Protein backbone atom coordinates (compact mmCIF):
# COMPACT_ATOMS: atom_id res chain seq x y z
CA MET A 1 112.32 85.03 91.38
CA LYS A 2 109.97 86.92 88.69
CA PHE A 3 107.29 88.80 89.83
CA LYS A 4 104.57 91.70 88.64
CA LYS A 5 104.71 94.69 91.06
CA ILE A 6 101.47 95.10 92.93
CA GLY A 7 99.80 98.36 91.56
CA VAL A 8 98.04 100.12 94.11
CA LEU A 9 95.72 103.32 93.26
CA PHE A 10 94.38 105.81 95.63
CA VAL A 11 91.20 107.45 94.47
CA CYS A 12 89.42 110.34 96.00
CA LEU A 13 87.05 113.05 94.44
CA GLY A 14 90.04 116.02 93.84
CA ASN A 15 93.00 113.70 94.20
CA ILE A 16 94.59 116.57 96.42
CA CYS A 17 93.53 115.54 100.78
CA ARG A 18 92.62 111.86 101.33
CA SER A 19 93.82 109.65 97.75
CA PRO A 20 97.66 111.63 97.96
CA ALA A 21 97.50 111.28 102.19
CA ALA A 22 97.18 107.00 101.41
CA GLU A 23 99.74 107.04 98.79
CA GLY A 24 101.96 109.21 100.79
CA ALA A 25 100.75 106.51 103.88
CA PHE A 26 101.83 103.71 102.11
CA LYS A 27 104.53 103.95 100.32
CA HIS A 28 106.34 105.31 103.77
CA LEU A 29 105.20 101.49 105.13
CA VAL A 30 106.57 99.21 102.12
CA THR A 31 109.02 101.92 102.14
CA GLU A 32 110.12 100.68 106.08
CA LYS A 33 109.57 96.97 105.72
CA ASP A 34 112.13 97.72 102.78
CA LEU A 35 109.17 96.20 100.51
CA LYS A 36 109.39 99.23 98.02
CA GLU A 37 110.55 97.07 94.53
CA PHE A 38 107.46 95.44 94.47
CA PHE A 39 105.21 98.34 94.71
CA HIS A 40 103.76 100.59 92.10
CA ILE A 41 101.83 102.93 94.14
CA ASP A 42 99.59 106.02 92.50
CA SER A 43 96.80 108.29 93.35
CA CYS A 44 94.01 110.36 91.62
CA GLY A 45 90.56 111.69 91.51
CA THR A 46 87.61 110.97 90.08
CA ALA A 47 87.10 114.46 89.15
CA GLY A 48 89.60 117.05 86.97
CA TYR A 49 89.35 120.23 89.25
CA HIS A 50 93.19 120.16 90.47
CA ILE A 51 94.95 118.62 87.65
CA GLY A 52 98.87 119.23 88.16
CA GLU A 53 98.55 120.78 91.32
CA MET A 54 100.58 119.55 95.21
CA PRO A 55 98.36 118.48 97.63
CA HIS A 56 96.19 120.73 100.10
CA GLU A 57 98.83 122.71 102.55
CA LEU A 58 96.85 120.81 105.18
CA THR A 59 97.42 117.37 103.48
CA GLN A 60 101.38 118.04 103.21
CA LYS A 61 101.77 119.61 106.40
CA VAL A 62 100.38 116.49 108.80
CA ALA A 63 101.49 114.37 106.39
CA LYS A 64 105.33 115.76 106.65
CA GLU A 65 104.51 116.05 110.80
CA ARG A 66 104.43 112.28 110.51
CA GLY A 67 107.37 111.64 108.77
CA ILE A 68 105.67 111.57 105.46
CA ILE A 69 106.47 113.87 102.32
CA LEU A 70 104.23 114.19 99.63
CA THR A 71 105.55 114.70 95.75
CA HIS A 72 102.56 113.91 94.11
CA ARG A 73 101.11 116.01 91.39
CA ALA A 74 97.17 115.13 91.44
CA ARG A 75 95.68 113.55 88.03
CA GLN A 76 92.02 112.21 87.08
CA PHE A 77 91.39 108.20 87.02
CA THR A 78 91.18 107.09 83.69
CA ARG A 79 89.99 103.65 82.09
CA GLU A 80 93.13 102.56 81.76
CA ASP A 81 94.15 102.53 84.84
CA PHE A 82 91.77 99.52 85.26
CA GLU A 83 94.88 97.67 83.50
CA LYS A 84 97.51 99.48 85.27
CA PHE A 85 96.40 98.45 88.89
CA ASP A 86 95.79 95.64 90.54
CA TYR A 87 93.87 97.18 93.63
CA ILE A 88 91.81 100.68 93.30
CA LEU A 89 91.17 101.52 96.90
CA ALA A 90 87.92 104.16 96.59
CA MET A 91 87.98 106.68 100.02
CA ASP A 92 84.30 107.15 99.39
CA GLN A 93 80.70 105.32 98.83
CA SER A 94 80.63 108.36 95.90
CA ASN A 95 84.17 107.19 94.63
CA TYR A 96 83.31 103.80 94.60
CA ASN A 97 80.44 103.62 92.42
CA HIS A 98 82.17 106.01 90.21
CA LEU A 99 85.00 103.61 89.63
CA LEU A 100 82.39 100.41 89.64
CA SER A 101 80.05 102.30 86.89
CA MET A 102 83.85 103.18 84.70
CA ALA A 103 84.80 99.46 84.85
CA LYS A 104 83.41 97.32 81.82
CA LYS A 105 85.00 94.13 82.55
CA GLU A 106 83.59 92.37 85.69
CA GLU A 107 87.27 91.36 86.45
CA HIS A 108 88.04 95.62 86.74
CA LYS A 109 85.38 95.66 89.08
CA GLN A 110 87.04 93.39 91.47
CA LYS A 111 89.87 95.04 91.27
CA VAL A 112 87.77 98.22 93.55
CA HIS A 113 87.32 98.34 97.22
CA LYS A 114 86.74 100.88 99.77
CA PHE A 115 90.10 102.05 101.75
CA ARG A 116 88.40 101.15 105.19
CA LYS A 117 87.58 97.83 104.54
CA PHE A 118 91.58 97.57 105.76
CA ASP A 119 90.71 99.31 109.27
CA HIS A 120 90.98 97.64 112.05
CA THR A 121 89.12 100.01 114.14
CA VAL A 122 85.92 100.05 112.67
CA SER A 123 83.51 97.56 111.20
CA GLY A 124 81.90 97.33 108.30
CA GLN A 125 83.34 100.20 105.28
CA PRO A 126 82.96 103.32 106.04
CA ASP A 127 84.06 106.27 104.09
CA VAL A 128 87.47 108.18 104.60
CA PRO A 129 85.88 111.70 105.53
CA ASP A 130 86.94 114.38 103.43
CA PRO A 131 89.09 116.86 105.37
CA TYR A 132 88.05 119.72 102.40
CA TYR A 133 86.18 122.23 103.79
CA GLY A 134 87.37 122.12 107.61
CA GLY A 135 90.13 122.31 110.06
CA ILE A 136 93.32 120.96 110.34
CA ALA A 137 92.06 118.55 112.98
CA GLY A 138 90.15 117.11 110.15
CA PHE A 139 93.48 116.28 108.00
CA GLU A 140 95.12 114.70 111.50
CA HIS A 141 91.90 112.83 111.63
CA VAL A 142 91.97 111.68 108.14
CA GLN A 143 95.47 110.65 108.60
CA ASP A 144 95.51 108.75 111.49
CA ILE A 145 92.90 106.38 108.81
CA VAL A 146 95.37 106.50 106.17
CA MET A 147 98.37 104.76 108.26
CA ARG A 148 95.98 102.61 109.90
CA CYS A 149 94.10 101.22 106.45
CA SER A 150 97.65 100.81 104.76
CA VAL A 151 99.57 98.89 107.49
CA GLY A 152 95.58 96.98 107.41
CA LEU A 153 95.73 96.91 103.28
CA LEU A 154 100.11 95.63 103.50
CA ASP A 155 98.96 92.75 105.87
CA TYR A 156 96.08 91.96 103.63
CA LEU A 157 98.50 91.94 100.88
CA MET A 158 101.23 89.97 102.12
CA GLU A 159 99.51 87.14 103.05
CA LYS A 160 97.53 87.27 99.43
CA HIS A 161 101.33 87.41 97.63
CA SER A 162 103.51 85.26 99.19
CA TYR A 163 106.64 86.39 97.50
CA LEU A 164 106.59 89.60 99.30
CA ASN A 165 107.39 87.31 102.59
CA ILE A 166 110.70 85.76 101.07
CA PRO A 167 113.81 86.67 102.41
CA LYS A 168 116.30 89.32 101.18
CA THR A 169 118.77 86.70 100.54
CA GLU A 170 117.25 85.54 97.83
CA GLU A 171 117.14 87.10 94.07
CA ILE A 172 114.30 88.68 92.53
CA GLU A 173 113.41 90.28 89.84
CA ALA A 174 110.81 92.61 89.42
CA THR A 175 108.46 93.19 86.25
CA GLU A 176 108.20 97.48 86.14
CA TYR A 177 104.47 98.52 84.58
CA ASP A 178 104.09 100.59 81.12
CA ILE A 179 103.13 103.79 82.49
């Protein structure tokens, strides 16, 4: 069976706090579920403030305490990302609006979602709060949120993409993205 990898992109403002935490949490989850080969996962920011930087030290610390090692380097979202990714997950309303304003095609707009849409503990789609100016408690809170949302997102994707549920005994061939 052949399939195209599912492209998942997490987006916040600077790509050093929320989106790398979400990227790490989702990668960790799909690895635990032995589904890594089905996904292309990345994160970025709508602004170019931190291009090339590692995630914020508290983002890394909190993730590491949960067994997640973050190796991502910050990058800025580009219009080409609309072609490369199937699901573009904004951490808050401001970034969601920014992404929609960059989308020139309706099919690109359909790819953009707020990440908390997949948080089963809240109603509506609130923001993932930005912990940048706070202490460690804010980073821990964000990590809790992105881990819950990752579970909800994976459940959604497993329902939507039936090949994720195929037993590993079948031969599966992935089509890679051109990144």
